[in-house]
Amino acid sequence: MNEQELLVKLKKVRQVPPNTWSYLVDKGYVEAAVEEEGAALGRPVEYLVEAFDELTDAAPVRMRSTRPPGRMGSGERIPAQLSDYEIERSELFSEYLARQAAPDVVVRHSTDGPLRVYPEVKGFRVKHLDDKVLSPEQARALLTSPVAAYWPHLAFHEFGVPVVGHAYQAMEGMSDERGPYSLIEVSLPSSEDKSFKDRRPLEPGPWEIPDEPENARSNQKPKRKLETPAGSWKILTFPGEDGYPHRVLARPRSVLGDLHNKVSRLVKRYPWEELDAVWFVLTGKTPWVAPLTWQFRGTGSPLDSWSYGYITLKVEPWVSASVVARVYSDLQHQLLGKDNKRVGEKNRELFRFVISRMTSDGSLPKARELVKEWDRANPQWRYGHEDTEQVRRFRRDYNLARRLLAAPSYELREE
């Protein structure tokens, strides 16, 4: 089966964006499926589905909980097993934090007397939003505006252009000696236009495939800065209309760059995800601090035929142990598709026997020779090297043991 045939079959069961397919090609998944190497042996399409699901699961994902609508930009999910008590208690805490984070003024005392200071949330709203909160539509219009991503507040004030509700036109596909750009023309009150070149390397849009984590055991977080030949950019995450985390690039001194700075300080002080903090500053929507979240990470090498996965639970100390146990048990069943059972003694010994005879390049002796040696060392589990069918059974049993012990297929099955 060639690459195009595999893509057609994969698209029948998954929505595959072009850049995701390119990633699968670049990382060797598609080549392994075409050649049916390692875990793709005899199941190239299923192997690509697993690879695709692992990649999308590692990326920030849509929240599947509908009450309350919290979102976890790092890929954490809220379990459905939370009771009304956990929901209510966490909502009360979340509302309290929101009120703490956004007071109208802070009174500080100095040698000259009391001083009224706008805190970060209120200060941003006063400076950029006319001391108002925005509707979801207004907030997304501001977040996706190239003008807000380039212009500082002073430029809006100087040209008499409102930060909220400004008009602009974008002519895409332009190019000069510095590379591609979009020409942005902003309508001024004087009926004139002010233009600039938008050279951001990424348009506003959803996070799709994350950058590779530093190591296989890390919980990756989306990048928050990007350095390119065209300049330095802040990466701001916000909830898209489709329910997925979206991101936008902005100049450090722009209105959105200022929002990025305010949110950076908020997420350091409060237990919030960045996109929820962004939404709180712009719309006043209270970020929900979920008392229990989970995340599954899977990684591995298709060419080396191994896989590794782990579940991370983030639990507030007051959540009962019974709820935690139930969440973990349900997740384990979803990932394994069955009850968790011990790998049998024979399978463990067979796997140990075979890998101990691997050469330095990972290859193995001929199967018949392995069976002959195995039969001598393990007469209680004898195969019989003279019988071709038994040699094949030995190979199948080893592949089963390898999949169980070194290359399990973890799949989140929604129930």
Protein backbone atom coordinates (compact mmCIF):
# COMPACT_ATOMS: atom_id res chain seq x y z
CA MET A 1 0.00 0.00 0.00
CA ASN A 2 1.49 3.36 -1.00
CA GLU A 3 1.30 6.72 0.78
CA GLN A 4 -1.71 8.00 -1.14
CA GLU A 5 -3.70 4.84 -0.51
CA LEU A 6 -2.88 5.04 3.19
CA LEU A 7 -3.97 8.69 3.33
CA VAL A 8 -7.29 7.88 1.66
CA LYS A 9 -7.97 5.08 4.14
CA LEU A 10 -6.90 7.20 7.12
CA LYS A 11 -9.22 10.03 6.04
CA LYS A 12 -12.16 7.63 6.12
CA VAL A 13 -11.83 7.35 9.91
CA ARG A 14 -10.09 10.59 10.93
CA GLN A 15 -10.06 14.23 9.81
CA VAL A 16 -6.45 14.74 8.78
CA PRO A 17 -5.20 18.33 8.24
CA PRO A 18 -2.47 18.60 5.57
CA ASN A 19 0.20 19.74 8.04
CA THR A 20 -0.63 16.80 10.33
CA TRP A 21 -0.07 14.39 7.45
CA SER A 22 3.21 16.15 6.66
CA TYR A 23 4.25 15.69 10.27
CA LEU A 24 3.47 11.96 10.10
CA VAL A 25 5.58 11.73 6.93
CA ASP A 26 8.49 13.74 8.35
CA LYS A 27 8.63 11.72 11.56
CA GLY A 28 8.73 8.36 9.76
CA TYR A 29 5.27 7.07 10.68
CA VAL A 30 4.07 6.86 7.08
CA GLU A 31 7.25 5.15 5.87
CA ALA A 32 6.89 2.56 8.63
CA ALA A 33 3.27 1.96 7.59
CA VAL A 34 4.17 1.62 3.89
CA GLU A 35 6.95 -0.85 4.69
CA GLU A 36 4.85 -2.49 7.44
CA GLU A 37 7.74 -2.30 9.85
CA GLY A 38 7.56 -2.96 13.57
CA ALA A 39 4.16 -2.18 15.07
CA ALA A 40 2.75 -1.57 11.55
CA LEU A 41 3.30 -5.20 10.52
CA GLY A 42 0.05 -6.50 9.04
CA ARG A 43 -1.90 -3.42 10.18
CA PRO A 44 -0.58 -0.28 8.46
CA VAL A 45 -3.85 1.69 8.59
CA GLU A 46 -4.55 0.83 12.23
CA TYR A 47 -0.98 1.81 13.04
CA LEU A 48 -1.41 5.25 11.41
CA VAL A 49 -4.71 5.77 13.26
CA GLU A 50 -2.94 5.06 16.54
CA ALA A 51 -0.09 7.42 15.63
CA PHE A 52 -2.55 10.16 14.64
CA ASP A 53 -4.54 9.77 17.86
CA GLU A 54 -1.40 9.87 19.99
CA LEU A 55 -0.30 13.09 18.31
CA THR A 56 -3.65 14.81 18.65
CA ASP A 57 -3.99 13.62 22.24
CA ALA A 58 -0.60 15.17 23.06
CA ALA A 59 -1.83 18.49 21.69
CA PRO A 60 -4.10 20.81 23.65
CA VAL A 61 -7.59 19.42 23.19
CA ARG A 62 -11.28 20.22 23.44
CA MET A 63 -12.70 19.91 26.91
CA ARG A 64 -15.28 17.15 27.14
CA SER A 65 -16.85 18.38 30.34
CA THR A 66 -19.87 20.65 29.93
CA ARG A 67 -20.33 21.72 33.56
CA PRO A 68 -18.73 24.16 34.25
CA PRO A 69 -17.07 25.07 30.90
CA GLY A 70 -13.44 25.02 32.02
CA ARG A 71 -10.72 24.59 29.43
CA MET A 72 -7.23 23.25 29.91
CA GLY A 73 -4.75 24.67 27.41
CA SER A 74 -2.10 22.14 28.35
CA GLY A 75 -4.22 19.19 27.27
CA GLU A 76 -5.57 18.41 30.73
CA ARG A 77 -9.13 17.17 30.86
CA ILE A 78 -11.82 17.30 33.50
CA PRO A 79 -13.25 13.89 34.45
CA ALA A 80 -16.97 13.24 34.26
CA GLN A 81 -16.90 11.42 37.62
CA LEU A 82 -16.90 14.61 39.69
CA SER A 83 -19.95 14.79 41.95
CA ASP A 84 -22.17 17.82 42.61
CA TYR A 85 -20.18 18.47 45.78
CA GLU A 86 -16.81 18.70 43.96
CA ILE A 87 -18.40 20.91 41.29
CA GLU A 88 -20.03 23.28 43.78
CA ARG A 89 -16.99 23.58 46.03
CA SER A 90 -14.65 24.30 43.14
CA GLU A 91 -17.10 26.83 41.66
CA LEU A 92 -17.17 28.74 44.95
CA PHE A 93 -13.38 28.81 45.08
CA SER A 94 -13.20 29.89 41.42
CA GLU A 95 -15.62 32.76 41.98
CA TYR A 96 -13.66 33.91 45.01
CA LEU A 97 -10.39 33.93 43.04
CA ALA A 98 -12.01 35.92 40.22
CA ARG A 99 -13.12 38.59 42.67
CA GLN A 100 -9.66 38.68 44.23
CA ALA A 101 -8.04 39.06 40.80
CA ALA A 102 -10.19 41.92 39.52
CA PRO A 103 -10.98 44.51 42.18
CA ASP A 104 -11.92 47.97 40.96
CA VAL A 105 -9.03 49.70 42.70
CA VAL A 106 -6.24 48.94 45.12
CA VAL A 107 -5.48 51.52 47.79
CA ARG A 108 -1.79 51.76 48.63
CA HIS A 109 -0.36 54.07 51.24
CA SER A 110 2.74 56.19 50.75
CA THR A 111 4.32 59.14 52.51
CA ASP A 112 2.00 61.40 50.51
CA GLY A 113 -1.14 59.57 51.65
CA PRO A 114 -3.40 56.92 50.14
CA LEU A 115 -2.88 56.18 46.47
CA ARG A 116 -5.56 54.58 44.28
CA VAL A 117 -3.99 52.13 41.85
CA TYR A 118 -5.67 50.13 39.11
CA PRO A 119 -4.72 46.44 39.35
CA GLU A 120 -3.77 44.44 36.25
CA VAL A 121 -7.21 43.26 35.08
CA LYS A 122 -8.99 46.53 35.76
CA GLY A 123 -6.03 48.48 34.37
CA PHE A 124 -6.13 46.65 31.05
CA ARG A 125 -9.88 47.15 30.73
CA VAL A 126 -9.62 50.86 31.54
CA LYS A 127 -6.71 51.45 29.16
CA HIS A 128 -7.84 49.42 26.16
CA LEU A 129 -11.55 48.50 26.55
CA ASP A 130 -13.09 51.75 27.87
CA ASP A 131 -13.52 50.02 31.25
CA LYS A 132 -15.90 47.44 29.79
CA VAL A 133 -15.96 43.71 29.25
CA LEU A 134 -16.47 42.35 25.75
CA SER A 135 -18.88 39.90 24.21
CA PRO A 136 -17.31 36.65 22.94
CA GLU A 137 -17.63 37.97 19.37
CA GLN A 138 -15.92 41.25 20.23
CA ALA A 139 -13.17 39.44 22.13
CA ARG A 140 -12.35 37.09 19.23
CA ALA A 141 -12.44 39.99 16.77
CA LEU A 142 -9.87 41.83 18.90
CA LEU A 143 -7.68 38.74 19.39
CA THR A 144 -7.57 37.95 15.67
CA SER A 145 -7.03 41.55 14.53
CA PRO A 146 -3.59 42.16 12.99
CA VAL A 147 -3.92 45.80 14.04
CA ALA A 148 -4.19 44.86 17.73
CA ALA A 149 -1.26 42.48 17.21
CA TYR A 150 0.95 45.30 15.85
CA TRP A 151 -0.21 48.66 17.18
CA PRO A 152 0.38 49.81 20.76
CA HIS A 153 -2.36 51.71 22.55
CA LEU A 154 -0.63 55.02 21.74
CA ALA A 155 -1.05 54.39 17.98
CA PHE A 156 -4.79 53.79 18.35
CA HIS A 157 -5.03 57.02 20.37
CA GLU A 158 -2.88 59.01 17.93
CA PHE A 159 -4.88 57.96 14.85
CA GLY A 160 -8.26 58.18 16.59
CA VAL A 161 -9.01 54.51 15.99
CA PRO A 162 -10.97 52.55 18.63
CA VAL A 163 -9.29 49.46 20.05
CA VAL A 164 -12.62 47.64 20.09
CA GLY A 165 -14.49 47.57 16.80
CA HIS A 166 -11.84 49.09 14.52
CA ALA A 167 -12.06 48.41 10.77
CA TYR A 168 -9.28 47.14 8.53
CA GLN A 169 -8.67 45.33 5.26
CA ALA A 170 -6.04 42.67 4.60
CA MET A 171 -4.49 42.00 1.20
CA GLU A 172 -2.77 38.63 1.45
CA GLY A 173 -0.16 36.97 -0.70
CA MET A 174 2.15 39.97 -1.00
CA SER A 175 5.95 39.67 -1.14
CA ASP A 176 9.07 41.83 -1.20
CA GLU A 177 12.82 41.42 -0.67
CA ARG A 178 12.18 40.55 2.99
CA GLY A 179 9.72 37.81 2.19
CA PRO A 180 5.94 37.28 2.24
CA TYR A 181 3.52 39.57 4.03
CA SER A 182 -0.08 40.73 4.17
CA LEU A 183 -0.78 44.42 3.60
CA ILE A 184 -3.09 45.74 6.34
CA GLU A 185 -5.01 48.96 5.68
CA VAL A 186 -6.71 50.58 8.68
CA SER A 187 -9.60 52.98 8.15
CA LEU A 188 -9.01 56.28 10.00
CA PRO A 189 -11.71 58.78 11.08
CA SER A 190 -10.19 61.26 8.61
CA SER A 191 -11.32 58.92 5.79
CA GLU A 192 -7.67 58.15 5.10
CA ASP A 193 -6.02 54.76 5.43
CA LYS A 194 -2.99 53.80 7.47
CA SER A 195 -1.19 50.71 6.20
CA PHE A 196 1.51 48.35 7.48
CA LYS A 197 2.97 44.99 6.51
CA ASP A 198 1.97 41.98 8.59
CA ARG A 199 4.90 39.55 8.53
CA ARG A 200 3.74 37.14 11.22
CA PRO A 201 4.83 33.59 10.30
CA LEU A 202 1.56 32.10 11.58
CA GLU A 203 -1.99 33.31 11.12
CA PRO A 204 -4.39 33.16 14.07
CA GLY A 205 -5.76 29.64 14.33
CA PRO A 206 -5.98 26.43 16.35
CA TRP A 207 -3.06 24.66 17.94
CA GLU A 208 -2.66 21.46 15.96
CA ILE A 209 0.60 19.61 16.56
CA PRO A 210 2.66 20.82 19.52
CA ASP A 211 6.39 21.28 19.57
CA GLU A 212 8.24 18.18 20.72
CA PRO A 213 8.64 18.08 24.51
CA GLU A 214 12.07 18.25 26.05
CA ASN A 215 11.84 14.61 27.02
CA ALA A 216 9.37 11.76 26.90
CA ARG A 217 8.40 12.06 30.55
CA SER A 218 7.60 15.77 30.53
CA ASN A 219 4.17 17.37 30.50
CA GLN A 220 4.62 19.74 27.62
CA LYS A 221 3.28 23.26 27.65
CA PRO A 222 2.64 25.39 24.57
CA LYS A 223 5.36 27.91 23.78
CA ARG A 224 4.64 31.49 24.79
CA LYS A 225 7.33 33.27 22.72
CA LEU A 226 8.65 32.87 19.19
CA GLU A 227 11.85 34.30 17.71
CA THR A 228 12.00 34.60 13.91
CA PRO A 229 14.08 36.58 11.38
CA ALA A 230 11.06 38.86 11.07
CA GLY A 231 11.15 39.68 14.78
CA SER A 232 10.10 38.59 18.24
CA TRP A 233 6.52 37.52 18.88
CA LYS A 234 4.36 36.82 21.90
CA ILE A 235 2.13 33.75 21.55
CA LEU A 236 -1.29 34.30 23.09
CA THR A 237 -3.68 31.39 23.63
CA PHE A 238 -7.45 31.87 23.68
CA PRO A 239 -10.60 29.72 23.38
CA GLY A 240 -11.72 29.45 19.78
CA GLU A 241 -15.35 29.43 18.73
CA ASP A 242 -14.93 25.71 17.91
CA GLY A 243 -14.11 24.93 21.55
CA TYR A 244 -10.43 24.26 20.89
CA PRO A 245 -7.48 26.37 22.06
CA HIS A 246 -6.39 28.87 19.38
CA ARG A 247 -3.25 30.97 19.27
CA VAL A 248 -2.22 34.32 17.84
CA LEU A 249 1.16 36.02 17.43
CA ALA A 250 1.61 39.62 18.59
CA ARG A 251 4.33 42.23 18.83
CA PRO A 252 5.58 42.64 22.43
CA ARG A 253 4.51 46.32 22.67
CA SER A 254 1.14 45.92 20.97
CA VAL A 255 -2.28 45.83 22.63
CA LEU A 256 -2.25 42.02 22.45
CA GLY A 257 1.35 42.04 23.66
CA ASP A 258 0.18 44.03 26.70
CA LEU A 259 -2.60 41.46 27.22
CA HIS A 260 0.03 38.71 27.05
CA ASN A 261 2.05 40.46 29.79
CA LYS A 262 -1.00 40.88 32.04
CA VAL A 263 -2.02 37.25 31.56
CA SER A 264 1.53 36.07 32.24
CA ARG A 265 1.39 37.67 35.66
CA LEU A 266 -2.08 36.29 36.34
CA VAL A 267 -1.19 32.67 35.56
CA LYS A 268 1.88 32.92 37.81
CA ARG A 269 -0.28 34.04 40.73
CA TYR A 270 -3.54 32.14 40.16
CA PRO A 271 -4.13 28.45 39.28
CA TRP A 272 -5.48 29.32 35.84
CA GLU A 273 -4.75 28.20 32.33
CA GLU A 274 -3.63 30.94 29.96
CA LEU A 275 -6.63 30.82 27.64
CA ASP A 276 -9.03 31.06 30.60
CA ALA A 277 -7.10 34.04 31.98
CA VAL A 278 -7.27 35.75 28.55
CA TRP A 279 -11.00 35.17 28.42
CA PHE A 280 -11.45 36.47 31.96
CA VAL A 281 -9.62 39.74 31.23
CA LEU A 282 -11.57 40.37 28.03
CA THR A 283 -15.05 39.01 28.82
CA GLY A 284 -15.20 38.70 32.62
CA LYS A 285 -15.86 34.94 32.36
CA THR A 286 -14.75 33.33 35.64
CA PRO A 287 -12.00 30.74 35.09
CA TRP A 288 -13.06 27.45 36.63
CA VAL A 289 -10.36 25.84 38.77
CA ALA A 290 -11.18 22.16 38.35
CA PRO A 291 -10.44 20.13 41.50
CA LEU A 292 -9.23 17.15 39.48
CA THR A 293 -7.81 17.02 35.97
CA TRP A 294 -6.09 14.30 34.02
CA GLN A 295 -3.82 14.05 31.02
CA PHE A 296 -2.54 11.11 29.02
CA ARG A 297 0.78 11.30 27.22
CA GLY A 298 1.95 8.69 24.78
CA THR A 299 5.22 8.54 22.90
CA GLY A 300 7.40 6.01 21.17
CA SER A 301 9.32 5.12 18.04
CA PRO A 302 7.49 3.33 15.22
CA LEU A 303 10.81 2.28 13.70
CA ASP A 304 12.01 0.71 16.95
CA SER A 305 8.64 -0.89 17.78
CA TRP A 306 8.12 0.45 21.28
CA SER A 307 5.67 2.75 22.96
CA TYR A 308 5.37 4.48 26.32
CA GLY A 309 2.44 6.17 27.97
CA TYR A 310 1.46 7.59 31.31
CA ILE A 311 -1.48 9.22 33.05
CA THR A 312 -1.05 12.41 35.05
CA LEU A 313 -3.66 13.25 37.66
CA LYS A 314 -3.67 16.74 39.18
CA VAL A 315 -5.78 16.54 42.33
CA GLU A 316 -6.61 19.08 45.01
CA PRO A 317 -5.94 17.57 48.45
CA TRP A 318 -9.56 17.79 49.61
CA VAL A 319 -10.90 15.53 46.82
CA SER A 320 -11.84 12.15 48.29
CA ALA A 321 -9.64 9.13 47.60
CA SER A 322 -12.65 7.20 46.31
CA VAL A 323 -13.22 9.77 43.53
CA VAL A 324 -9.54 9.64 42.55
CA ALA A 325 -9.57 5.84 42.48
CA ARG A 326 -12.72 5.78 40.36
CA VAL A 327 -11.31 8.29 37.86
CA TYR A 328 -8.06 6.37 37.49
CA SER A 329 -9.81 3.01 37.17
CA ASP A 330 -12.10 4.36 34.44
CA LEU A 331 -9.19 5.95 32.57
CA GLN A 332 -7.19 2.75 32.75
CA HIS A 333 -10.11 0.80 31.30
CA GLN A 334 -10.53 3.35 28.49
CA LEU A 335 -6.85 3.16 27.57
CA LEU A 336 -6.52 -0.60 27.75
CA GLY A 337 -9.98 -1.44 26.41
CA LYS A 338 -10.18 -4.20 29.03
CA ASP A 339 -9.39 -4.99 32.63
CA ASN A 340 -5.76 -4.59 33.64
CA LYS A 341 -4.29 -8.09 33.87
CA ARG A 342 -0.81 -9.28 34.71
CA VAL A 343 1.35 -10.41 31.82
CA GLY A 344 1.83 -14.15 32.27
CA GLU A 345 5.08 -15.75 33.38
CA LYS A 346 5.66 -17.50 30.05
CA ASN A 347 5.25 -14.27 28.08
CA ARG A 348 7.66 -12.48 30.40
CA GLU A 349 10.26 -15.24 30.09
CA LEU A 350 9.83 -15.46 26.33
CA PHE A 351 10.34 -11.72 25.93
CA ARG A 352 13.40 -11.77 28.22
CA PHE A 353 14.85 -14.74 26.32
CA VAL A 354 14.49 -13.14 22.88
CA ILE A 355 15.75 -9.64 23.74
CA SER A 356 18.77 -11.10 25.51
CA ARG A 357 19.81 -12.53 22.15
CA MET A 358 19.43 -9.32 20.18
CA THR A 359 22.57 -8.08 18.45
CA SER A 360 23.93 -4.58 18.87
CA ASP A 361 21.93 -3.42 15.82
CA GLY A 362 18.67 -4.82 17.21
CA SER A 363 18.41 -7.82 14.89
CA LEU A 364 17.66 -11.37 16.02
CA PRO A 365 18.98 -14.83 15.10
CA LYS A 366 16.83 -16.96 12.83
CA ALA A 367 13.59 -18.01 14.48
CA ARG A 368 14.27 -21.75 14.13
CA GLU A 369 17.58 -21.38 15.99
CA LEU A 370 15.85 -19.41 18.71
CA VAL A 371 13.19 -22.08 19.10
CA LYS A 372 15.83 -24.79 19.34
CA GLU A 373 17.63 -22.93 22.11
CA TRP A 374 14.37 -22.06 23.86
CA ASP A 375 13.23 -25.68 23.90
CA ARG A 376 16.47 -26.75 25.58
CA ALA A 377 16.24 -24.00 28.23
CA ASN A 378 12.46 -24.24 28.80
CA PRO A 379 11.21 -27.79 28.28
CA GLN A 380 7.97 -26.99 30.15
CA TRP A 381 7.06 -24.54 27.35
CA ARG A 382 8.53 -26.47 24.44
CA TYR A 383 7.58 -25.59 20.84
CA GLY A 384 9.57 -27.93 18.62
CA HIS A 385 11.99 -26.41 16.15
CA GLU A 386 11.43 -29.19 13.62
CA ASP A 387 7.82 -28.10 13.08
CA THR A 388 7.53 -25.01 10.82
CA GLU A 389 4.08 -24.20 12.21
CA GLN A 390 5.46 -24.25 15.78
CA VAL A 391 8.28 -21.92 14.73
CA ARG A 392 5.64 -19.53 13.41
CA ARG A 393 3.71 -19.84 16.68
CA PHE A 394 6.90 -18.97 18.59
CA ARG A 395 7.28 -15.83 16.45
CA ARG A 396 3.62 -14.89 17.02
CA ASP A 397 3.94 -15.45 20.77
CA TYR A 398 7.03 -13.25 20.91
CA ASN A 399 5.28 -10.46 18.99
CA LEU A 400 2.35 -10.73 21.40
CA ALA A 401 4.69 -10.52 24.39
CA ARG A 402 6.48 -7.57 22.81
CA ARG A 403 3.21 -5.71 22.28
CA LEU A 404 2.12 -6.39 25.85
CA LEU A 405 5.41 -5.45 27.51
CA ALA A 406 7.09 -2.93 25.20
CA ALA A 407 4.58 -1.65 22.65
CA PRO A 408 1.10 -1.51 24.14
CA SER A 409 -1.52 0.24 22.01
CA TYR A 410 -3.10 2.87 24.21
CA GLU A 411 -6.33 4.32 22.82
CA LEU A 412 -8.71 6.63 24.59
CA ARG A 413 -12.10 5.10 24.06
CA GLU A 414 -14.81 7.58 24.91
CA GLU A 415 -17.60 5.92 26.88
